Amino acid sequence: MWECGSVIIGMPVQASTNIPEPSADVEVFLMNGKSVTVRVGTYDRTDQVLEKVCSEINLTPEFTYFFGLFFEKEEEDCWTGDTDQGPG
């Protein structure tokens, strides 16, 4: 919603209601075969998730944006009914 002289386009509901933001654990698989789990807010942007992952693996903050996150969705194989469990 635009207001005169304002750049507010619509604030998330939790910002004005004191309702705690829902969170989730996200498991991130690294190129070396290991994984880390970080707790993120469901309203976190991808750059915030990336920063949390890099912090968890003790990566120096200035190198954070040399990396990226790739998302993978688990899907059921329509022929066998098996699910793809991702790397490993």
Protein backbone atom coordinates (compact mmCIF):
# COMPACT_ATOMS: atom_id res chain seq x y z
CA MET A 1 0.00 0.00 0.00
CA TRP A 2 1.50 3.32 -1.08
CA GLU A 3 1.23 6.41 1.06
CA CYS A 4 2.23 9.96 0.18
CA GLY A 5 5.96 10.42 0.84
CA SER A 6 6.35 6.82 1.96
CA VAL A 7 8.12 3.80 0.53
CA ILE A 8 6.17 1.29 2.62
CA ILE A 9 4.67 -1.26 0.25
CA GLY A 10 3.24 -3.63 2.86
CA MET A 11 4.86 -4.61 6.09
CA PRO A 12 4.77 -8.25 7.21
CA VAL A 13 1.98 -8.85 9.73
CA GLN A 14 4.32 -9.96 12.50
CA ALA A 15 6.11 -6.57 12.49
CA SER A 16 3.11 -4.86 14.06
CA THR A 17 1.46 -7.57 16.15
CA ASN A 18 4.24 -8.87 18.48
CA ILE A 19 3.55 -12.40 17.22
CA PRO A 20 6.80 -14.39 17.15
CA GLU A 21 8.04 -15.10 13.64
CA PRO A 22 7.76 -18.79 12.74
CA SER A 23 11.12 -20.46 12.20
CA ALA A 24 12.38 -23.62 10.57
CA ASP A 25 15.54 -25.70 10.49
CA VAL A 26 17.18 -25.77 7.06
CA GLU A 27 19.73 -28.46 6.28
CA VAL A 28 22.40 -27.24 3.87
CA PHE A 29 24.60 -29.75 2.07
CA LEU A 30 28.18 -28.63 1.43
CA MET A 31 30.41 -29.58 -1.49
CA ASN A 32 32.58 -31.75 0.78
CA GLY A 33 29.62 -34.05 1.52
CA LYS A 34 28.97 -32.65 4.99
CA SER A 35 25.91 -30.69 6.00
CA VAL A 36 25.02 -27.97 8.47
CA THR A 37 21.62 -27.10 9.88
CA VAL A 38 20.66 -23.50 10.54
CA ARG A 39 17.50 -22.11 12.11
CA VAL A 40 15.98 -19.42 9.95
CA GLY A 41 12.88 -17.31 10.18
CA THR A 42 10.24 -18.14 7.60
CA TYR A 43 10.36 -14.50 6.48
CA ASP A 44 14.17 -14.44 6.10
CA ARG A 45 15.49 -13.45 2.69
CA THR A 46 17.92 -15.76 0.88
CA ASP A 47 20.85 -13.45 1.64
CA GLN A 48 20.06 -13.74 5.36
CA VAL A 49 20.03 -17.54 5.07
CA LEU A 50 23.36 -17.45 3.21
CA GLU A 51 24.86 -15.25 5.93
CA LYS A 52 23.69 -17.68 8.65
CA VAL A 53 25.16 -20.66 6.79
CA CYS A 54 28.50 -18.90 6.27
CA SER A 55 28.57 -17.92 9.94
CA GLU A 56 27.84 -21.53 10.95
CA ILE A 57 30.84 -22.80 8.95
CA ASN A 58 33.05 -19.98 10.30
CA LEU A 59 33.57 -18.36 6.91
CA THR A 60 34.99 -14.84 7.10
CA PRO A 61 32.09 -12.43 6.37
CA GLU A 62 33.91 -10.70 3.51
CA PHE A 63 33.82 -13.97 1.53
CA THR A 64 30.09 -14.64 2.04
CA TYR A 65 28.93 -13.35 -1.32
CA PHE A 66 31.44 -15.43 -3.27
CA PHE A 67 29.07 -18.33 -2.54
CA GLY A 68 25.47 -19.09 -3.31
CA LEU A 69 22.65 -21.38 -2.23
CA PHE A 70 20.91 -23.77 -4.58
CA PHE A 71 17.54 -25.12 -3.57
CA GLU A 72 16.45 -28.66 -4.27
CA LYS A 73 12.96 -30.05 -3.96
CA GLU A 74 12.32 -33.64 -2.99
CA GLU A 75 10.03 -35.27 -5.52
CA GLU A 76 8.45 -38.67 -5.80
CA ASP A 77 9.44 -40.78 -8.80
CA CYS A 78 6.24 -41.34 -10.75
CA TRP A 79 7.40 -44.83 -11.84
CA THR A 80 8.72 -46.33 -8.62
CA GLY A 81 7.23 -44.18 -5.86
CA ASP A 82 10.74 -43.58 -4.46
CA THR A 83 11.69 -40.13 -3.25
CA ASP A 84 14.88 -38.37 -4.21
CA GLN A 85 16.70 -37.70 -0.94
CA GLY A 86 19.22 -35.24 -2.39
CA PRO A 87 23.01 -35.62 -2.22
CA GLY A 88 24.48 -38.68 -0.66
